[in-house]
Amino acid sequence: MPEWTAFAGFVAVVLAGLLLLARASATVFTPSEPPAPETPTATEYPATLDARVVGNRRPALPRFSTATLLLNVVVSQGLFASLLLVGMWVASIPPASLGLAADSLAPRPLAAGVGLGVTLHGVNAVGSRMSDRFGFGDATALREAMAPDSAGGWAALLLVVLPLVAGFEELLFRGVLIGAFATGFGLSPWLLAALSSVAFALGHGAQGRVGVVVTGALGFVLAAAYVLTGSLATVIVAHYLVNALEFVVHER
């Protein structure tokens, strides 16, 4: 018999850890503006900092190697995903409550995910341009920092990193926070969709203020698609395509 209350407490711990990590990342990729002087000097901006300035003058981002960033994503997301899966197993959470039915990999839900992902990529691109135009934060900084410069790096990004990110985030924010909690506690899936979308947005603070708003909106669309289709596979495919197209179109 599923232990819903214990599982909910465990999920709260996992979610809190994820949001704390996201906040720490946001402080790295969303630097503040310097008070003075207007023109940076070599002393104020040492060689360890990128000299790129976007919009108003501000300290640029610390340089981390692409391999370091990708490894950090794999380790952190893999750890959280493993904890979540162990918690599900210990609490005997049924896969069906997450949207993992026997026909999850049938052509219809996968095709729906492809169509949704391509559409959301276009919406996400508009949000990035708004952020650049109005100076609400560098929403593309994290993407640019993670873009590989070799064929092997692109293979790792597209075949390992992005599938792991999409799978874990959809499992947590849609499968668990909506599907499992609606099943286990009898809550409205639409209320849970709204709440999970807020948490999803807060988890992407490194994308700037507009990035957070756009991510929250995209998260709610994914949540709505999950509620309407009942398929976790559909939103995983859509999420993966949003991220993959973002890298391929703008960085490749």
Foldseek 3Di string as FASTA:
>chain_A
DFPQVVLVVLLVVLLVVLLVVLVVLQCQLFFDADPDDQDDDCVRQPPQFDPDAADGRGTHGGADALVVVLVVLLVSLVVSLVSNVVSCVVRVQDQLLLLDDPCLVPPPLLVLLVVLLVVLLVLLVVLQVVCRVVVQTNLCRVLQSNQDDDPVSLCCVLPPRLLSVLLSLLSSLARCQQRRCCVPPVDDSLVSLLVSLLSQLSSNSSRGDSSSVSSSVSSSVLNVVCVVVSHSSSSSSSSSSSVSCVNVVPPD
